[in-house]
Amino acid sequence: MSAAADTVNQAMGLGYTLNRHVPDMARGFEIHTSYGVLHIDAGRLADHIADLVAQSARLELMRLDTVCRMGEPS
């Protein structure tokens, strides 16, 4: 797969995260770790974590956009 195609796939995945996963997180979700499962119920904590995930995804989309326009930094 070419670098451009990989970048497009990453951007599509981040878009899906922002459009589907993040809004759904408001209903509550689980985080799976090697120590077990952490249950996050709907409410303030779920909203805060969803906001952080959305912020991180948007920042990564901005980075990918910069890479597409200017090339990978050396």
C-alpha atoms as a PDB file:
ATOM      1  CA  MET A   1       0.000   0.000   0.000  1.00  0.00           C
ATOM      2  CA  SER A   2       1.338   3.454  -0.853  1.00  0.00           C
ATOM      3  CA  ALA A   3       1.976   6.098   1.779  1.00  0.00           C
ATOM      4  CA  ALA A   4      -0.818   8.222   0.313  1.00  0.00           C
ATOM      5  CA  ALA A   5      -3.306   5.350   0.505  1.00  0.00           C
ATOM      6  CA  ASP A   6      -2.217   4.636   4.076  1.00  0.00           C
ATOM      7  CA  THR A   7      -2.787   8.286   4.995  1.00  0.00           C
ATOM      8  CA  VAL A   8      -6.245   8.229   3.420  1.00  0.00           C
ATOM      9  CA  ASN A   9      -7.125   5.048   5.331  1.00  0.00           C
ATOM     10  CA  GLN A  10      -5.941   6.606   8.592  1.00  0.00           C
ATOM     11  CA  ALA A  11      -8.014   9.723   7.937  1.00  0.00           C
ATOM     12  CA  MET A  12     -11.091   7.639   7.139  1.00  0.00           C
ATOM     13  CA  GLY A  13     -10.641   5.668  10.354  1.00  0.00           C
ATOM     14  CA  LEU A  14     -10.333   8.862  12.370  1.00  0.00           C
ATOM     15  CA  GLY A  15     -13.424  10.265  10.664  1.00  0.00           C
ATOM     16  CA  TYR A  16     -15.345   7.125  11.597  1.00  0.00           C
ATOM     17  CA  THR A  17     -14.131   7.479  15.176  1.00  0.00           C
ATOM     18  CA  LEU A  18     -15.340  11.078  15.318  1.00  0.00           C
ATOM     19  CA  ASN A  19     -18.686  10.381  13.639  1.00  0.00           C
ATOM     20  CA  ARG A  20     -19.616   7.061  15.245  1.00  0.00           C
ATOM     21  CA  HIS A  21     -17.538   6.046  18.248  1.00  0.00           C
ATOM     22  CA  VAL A  22     -17.233   9.379  20.054  1.00  0.00           C
ATOM     23  CA  PRO A  23     -20.973  10.207  20.045  1.00  0.00           C
ATOM     24  CA  ASP A  24     -21.772   6.646  21.161  1.00  0.00           C
ATOM     25  CA  MET A  25     -19.379   6.970  24.114  1.00  0.00           C
ATOM     26  CA  ALA A  26     -21.925   9.256  25.817  1.00  0.00           C
ATOM     27  CA  ARG A  27     -24.011   6.132  26.520  1.00  0.00           C
ATOM     28  CA  GLY A  28     -21.133   4.567  28.446  1.00  0.00           C
ATOM     29  CA  PHE A  29     -18.394   2.189  27.357  1.00  0.00           C
ATOM     30  CA  GLU A  30     -15.691  -0.209  28.503  1.00  0.00           C
ATOM     31  CA  ILE A  31     -11.914   0.074  28.446  1.00  0.00           C
ATOM     32  CA  HIS A  32     -10.149  -3.288  28.185  1.00  0.00           C
ATOM     33  CA  THR A  33      -6.662  -3.606  29.673  1.00  0.00           C
ATOM     34  CA  SER A  34      -4.430  -6.522  30.578  1.00  0.00           C
ATOM     35  CA  TYR A  35      -5.702  -6.116  34.154  1.00  0.00           C
ATOM     36  CA  GLY A  36      -9.349  -6.407  33.193  1.00  0.00           C
ATOM     37  CA  VAL A  37     -12.263  -4.292  32.093  1.00  0.00           C
ATOM     38  CA  LEU A  38     -13.008  -0.770  33.288  1.00  0.00           C
ATOM     39  CA  HIS A  39     -16.696   0.127  32.975  1.00  0.00           C
ATOM     40  CA  ILE A  40     -17.434   3.789  32.287  1.00  0.00           C
ATOM     41  CA  ASP A  41     -21.088   4.630  32.824  1.00  0.00           C
ATOM     42  CA  ALA A  42     -22.880   7.412  30.952  1.00  0.00           C
ATOM     43  CA  GLY A  43     -22.291  10.757  32.598  1.00  0.00           C
ATOM     44  CA  ARG A  44     -19.594  13.339  33.206  1.00  0.00           C
ATOM     45  CA  LEU A  45     -16.635  10.950  33.095  1.00  0.00           C
ATOM     46  CA  ALA A  46     -17.813   9.379  29.827  1.00  0.00           C
ATOM     47  CA  ASP A  47     -18.319  12.859  28.373  1.00  0.00           C
ATOM     48  CA  HIS A  48     -14.850  14.014  29.438  1.00  0.00           C
ATOM     49  CA  ILE A  49     -13.151  10.935  28.003  1.00  0.00           C
ATOM     50  CA  ALA A  50     -15.149  11.258  24.768  1.00  0.00           C
ATOM     51  CA  ASP A  51     -14.034  14.899  24.505  1.00  0.00           C
ATOM     52  CA  LEU A  52     -10.384  13.863  24.921  1.00  0.00           C
ATOM     53  CA  VAL A  53     -10.727  11.133  22.292  1.00  0.00           C
ATOM     54  CA  ALA A  54     -12.341  13.610  19.886  1.00  0.00           C
ATOM     55  CA  GLN A  55      -9.605  16.185  20.523  1.00  0.00           C
ATOM     56  CA  SER A  56      -6.901  13.592  19.922  1.00  0.00           C
ATOM     57  CA  ALA A  57      -8.550  12.396  16.695  1.00  0.00           C
ATOM     58  CA  ARG A  58      -8.898  15.966  15.413  1.00  0.00           C
ATOM     59  CA  LEU A  59      -5.243  16.706  16.165  1.00  0.00           C
ATOM     60  CA  GLU A  60      -4.183  13.566  14.306  1.00  0.00           C
ATOM     61  CA  LEU A  61      -6.356  14.578  11.336  1.00  0.00           C
ATOM     62  CA  MET A  62      -4.632  17.969  11.337  1.00  0.00           C
ATOM     63  CA  ARG A  63      -1.239  16.241  11.370  1.00  0.00           C
ATOM     64  CA  LEU A  64      -2.250  13.998   8.466  1.00  0.00           C
ATOM     65  CA  ASP A  65      -3.480  17.033   6.531  1.00  0.00           C
ATOM     66  CA  THR A  66      -0.128  18.743   7.078  1.00  0.00           C
ATOM     67  CA  VAL A  67       1.736  15.629   5.936  1.00  0.00           C
ATOM     68  CA  CYS A  68      -0.392  15.455   2.778  1.00  0.00           C
ATOM     69  CA  ARG A  69       0.202  19.109   1.943  1.00  0.00           C
ATOM     70  CA  MET A  70       3.835  19.493   2.973  1.00  0.00           C
ATOM     71  CA  GLY A  71       5.289  16.010   3.194  1.00  0.00           C
ATOM     72  CA  GLU A  72       6.549  14.086   6.206  1.00  0.00           C
ATOM     73  CA  PRO A  73       8.867  16.168   8.423  1.00  0.00           C
ATOM     74  CA  SER A  74      12.461  14.969   8.520  1.00  0.00           C
END
